[in-house]
C-alpha atoms as a PDB file:
ATOM      1  CA  UNK A   1       9.335   6.589  -0.613  1.00  0.00           C
ATOM      2  CA  UNK A   2       9.639   6.652  -4.376  1.00  0.00           C
ATOM      3  CA  UNK A   3      13.090   5.060  -4.093  1.00  0.00           C
ATOM      4  CA  UNK A   4      11.904   2.301  -1.756  1.00  0.00           C
ATOM      5  CA  UNK A   5       8.866   1.366  -3.840  1.00  0.00           C
ATOM      6  CA  UNK A   6      10.236   2.101  -7.316  1.00  0.00           C
ATOM      7  CA  UNK A   7       9.754  -1.472  -8.549  1.00  0.00           C
ATOM      8  CA  UNK A   8       6.128  -1.804  -7.399  1.00  0.00           C
ATOM      9  CA  UNK A   9       4.684   1.417  -8.818  1.00  0.00           C
ATOM     10  CA  UNK A  10       2.060  -0.630 -10.654  1.00  0.00           C
ATOM     11  CA  UNK A  11       0.442  -1.603  -7.315  1.00  0.00           C
ATOM     12  CA  UNK A  12       1.456   1.205  -4.945  1.00  0.00           C
ATOM     13  CA  UNK A  13       1.423   4.994  -5.130  1.00  0.00           C
ATOM     14  CA  UNK A  14       3.338   6.264  -2.072  1.00  0.00           C
ATOM     15  CA  UNK A  15       2.608   9.778  -0.880  1.00  0.00           C
ATOM     16  CA  UNK A  16       4.374  10.873   2.328  1.00  0.00           C
ATOM     17  CA  UNK A  17       2.971   8.494   4.960  1.00  0.00           C
ATOM     18  CA  UNK A  18       0.008   7.312   2.885  1.00  0.00           C
ATOM     19  CA  UNK A  19       0.433   4.113   0.817  1.00  0.00           C
ATOM     20  CA  UNK A  20      -2.634   3.448  -1.303  1.00  0.00           C
ATOM     21  CA  UNK A  21      -2.271   0.103  -3.018  1.00  0.00           C
ATOM     22  CA  UNK A  22      -4.532  -1.425  -5.623  1.00  0.00           C
ATOM     23  CA  UNK A  23      -5.000  -4.711  -7.407  1.00  0.00           C
ATOM     24  CA  UNK A  24      -7.061  -5.459 -10.485  1.00  0.00           C
ATOM     25  CA  UNK A  25      -8.152  -8.817  -9.093  1.00  0.00           C
ATOM     26  CA  UNK A  26      -9.175  -9.571  -5.523  1.00  0.00           C
ATOM     27  CA  UNK A  27      -7.060 -12.754  -5.557  1.00  0.00           C
ATOM     28  CA  UNK A  28      -3.860 -10.787  -6.282  1.00  0.00           C
ATOM     29  CA  UNK A  29      -4.214  -8.386  -3.370  1.00  0.00           C
ATOM     30  CA  UNK A  30      -2.693 -10.604  -0.622  1.00  0.00           C
ATOM     31  CA  UNK A  31       0.380 -11.222  -2.773  1.00  0.00           C
ATOM     32  CA  UNK A  32       0.728  -7.497  -3.481  1.00  0.00           C
ATOM     33  CA  UNK A  33       0.425  -6.683   0.212  1.00  0.00           C
ATOM     34  CA  UNK A  34       3.128  -9.222   0.992  1.00  0.00           C
ATOM     35  CA  UNK A  35       5.488  -7.534  -1.487  1.00  0.00           C
ATOM     36  CA  UNK A  36       4.780  -4.125   0.067  1.00  0.00           C
ATOM     37  CA  UNK A  37       5.345  -5.421   3.607  1.00  0.00           C
ATOM     38  CA  UNK A  38       8.609  -7.092   2.568  1.00  0.00           C
ATOM     39  CA  UNK A  39       9.808  -3.766   1.166  1.00  0.00           C
ATOM     40  CA  UNK A  40       8.912  -2.091   4.444  1.00  0.00           C
ATOM     41  CA  UNK A  41      10.762  -4.766   6.386  1.00  0.00           C
ATOM     42  CA  UNK A  42      13.840  -4.511   4.185  1.00  0.00           C
ATOM     43  CA  UNK A  43      14.059  -0.709   4.492  1.00  0.00           C
ATOM     44  CA  UNK A  44      13.052  -0.687   8.182  1.00  0.00           C
ATOM     45  CA  UNK A  45       9.861   1.307   7.607  1.00  0.00           C
ATOM     46  CA  UNK A  46       7.545   1.287  10.586  1.00  0.00           C
ATOM     47  CA  UNK A  47       3.820   1.142   9.994  1.00  0.00           C
ATOM     48  CA  UNK A  48       1.081   2.282  12.355  1.00  0.00           C
ATOM     49  CA  UNK A  49      -1.291  -0.637  12.827  1.00  0.00           C
ATOM     50  CA  UNK A  50      -4.150   1.672  13.816  1.00  0.00           C
ATOM     51  CA  UNK A  51      -4.165   3.335  10.386  1.00  0.00           C
ATOM     52  CA  UNK A  52      -4.548   0.155   8.319  1.00  0.00           C
ATOM     53  CA  UNK A  53      -7.595  -0.326   6.140  1.00  0.00           C
ATOM     54  CA  UNK A  54      -7.735  -3.500   4.044  1.00  0.00           C
ATOM     55  CA  UNK A  55      -9.874  -4.692   1.145  1.00  0.00           C
ATOM     56  CA  UNK A  56     -11.834  -1.486   0.577  1.00  0.00           C
ATOM     57  CA  UNK A  57     -13.251  -1.476  -2.929  1.00  0.00           C
ATOM     58  CA  UNK A  58     -13.996   2.252  -2.984  1.00  0.00           C
ATOM     59  CA  UNK A  59     -14.898   5.008  -0.601  1.00  0.00           C
ATOM     60  CA  UNK A  60     -13.597   8.020   1.256  1.00  0.00           C
ATOM     61  CA  UNK A  61     -10.328   7.510   3.137  1.00  0.00           C
ATOM     62  CA  UNK A  62      -8.537  10.431   4.804  1.00  0.00           C
ATOM     63  CA  UNK A  63     -10.338  13.006   2.639  1.00  0.00           C
ATOM     64  CA  UNK A  64      -9.481  11.166  -0.603  1.00  0.00           C
ATOM     65  CA  UNK A  65     -11.846   9.099  -2.656  1.00  0.00           C
ATOM     66  CA  UNK A  66     -10.258   5.726  -3.371  1.00  0.00           C
END
Protein backbone atom coordinates (compact mmCIF):
# COMPACT_ATOMS: atom_id res chain seq x y z
CA UNK A 1 0.00 0.00 0.00
CA UNK A 2 2.88 2.36 0.63
CA UNK A 3 4.00 1.92 -2.98
CA UNK A 4 0.53 2.58 -4.40
CA UNK A 5 -0.11 5.70 -2.33
CA UNK A 6 3.45 7.04 -2.10
CA UNK A 7 2.59 10.35 -3.79
CA UNK A 8 -0.44 11.14 -1.60
CA UNK A 9 1.06 10.54 1.84
CA UNK A 10 0.03 14.06 2.84
CA UNK A 11 -3.67 13.06 2.67
CA UNK A 12 -3.62 9.29 3.23
CA UNK A 13 -1.96 6.98 5.74
CA UNK A 14 -2.52 3.41 4.50
CA UNK A 15 -2.35 0.62 7.04
CA UNK A 16 -3.18 -2.89 5.76
CA UNK A 17 -6.82 -2.59 4.68
CA UNK A 18 -7.53 0.65 6.53
CA UNK A 19 -7.12 3.94 4.61
CA UNK A 20 -7.64 6.92 6.88
CA UNK A 21 -7.58 10.09 4.83
CA UNK A 22 -7.64 13.66 6.06
CA UNK A 23 -7.98 17.14 4.66
CA UNK A 24 -7.28 20.45 6.36
CA UNK A 25 -10.27 22.09 4.68
CA UNK A 26 -13.70 20.56 4.17
CA UNK A 27 -13.77 21.85 0.57
CA UNK A 28 -10.62 19.88 -0.34
CA UNK A 29 -11.91 16.52 0.84
CA UNK A 30 -13.90 15.55 -2.30
CA UNK A 31 -10.87 16.25 -4.48
CA UNK A 32 -8.64 14.19 -2.18
CA UNK A 33 -11.11 11.31 -2.23
CA UNK A 34 -11.16 11.42 -6.02
CA UNK A 35 -7.35 11.11 -6.12
CA UNK A 36 -7.47 8.14 -3.74
CA UNK A 37 -10.19 6.40 -5.75
CA UNK A 38 -8.27 6.96 -9.00
CA UNK A 39 -5.23 5.31 -7.42
CA UNK A 40 -7.39 2.37 -6.39
CA UNK A 41 -8.81 2.11 -9.90
CA UNK A 42 -5.38 2.28 -11.51
CA UNK A 43 -3.91 -0.46 -9.28
CA UNK A 44 -7.11 -2.57 -9.33
CA UNK A 45 -7.71 -2.29 -5.58
CA UNK A 46 -11.16 -3.41 -4.54
CA UNK A 47 -12.93 -1.54 -1.78
CA UNK A 48 -15.70 -2.83 0.45
CA UNK A 49 -18.59 -0.39 0.19
CA UNK A 50 -19.98 -1.48 3.56
CA UNK A 51 -16.87 -0.25 5.39
CA UNK A 52 -16.92 3.32 4.07
CA UNK A 53 -17.31 6.22 6.46
CA UNK A 54 -17.20 9.72 4.97
CA UNK A 55 -16.85 13.22 6.39
CA UNK A 56 -16.25 12.26 10.02
CA UNK A 57 -14.56 15.12 11.82
CA UNK A 58 -13.43 13.03 14.79
CA UNK A 59 -14.51 10.00 16.71
CA UNK A 60 -13.85 6.33 17.30
CA UNK A 61 -13.53 4.19 14.17
CA UNK A 62 -12.50 0.53 14.39
CA UNK A 63 -10.94 0.99 17.84
CA UNK A 64 -8.89 4.02 16.73
CA UNK A 65 -9.63 7.60 17.57
CA UNK A 66 -9.59 9.67 14.38
